[in-house]
Amino acid sequence: MNNQVGLIDEPIKIFDKTYHIKCKPEEVDVLHKTADFLDEEMRKMSRLNHVKNTDQVAILTALNLAYELLHVKEPLRERITSLQKLIKTTLETHEEIAL
């Protein structure tokens, strides 16, 4: 089965370079929003670090975004674990009361 059935070839522009990305027609808007976000982040990184080399800007941007993502994900993981423990304790208490 071909996974590319129904995909379109959508051009996006990031840091003055055009890329052709295959995506579902209903994902085109999100693809462009994502590309615009990445373009803005790369331009910001280029300005802040006085770097023009695309590869260096891409790596710096990727590191910065990964750092931000990890700082968002870790507290969420901790909160999910805490909620799971609370649910387990509540269910165990409810089972004890039912007996």
Foldseek 3Di string as FASTA:
>chain_A
DDPLPQWDFDWEDALNDIDTDTDHPVCNVVVRVVRVVRNVLLVVQCVVVVDNPPVVSVVVSVVVVVVVVVVVVVVVVVVVVVVVVVVVVVVVVVVVVVD
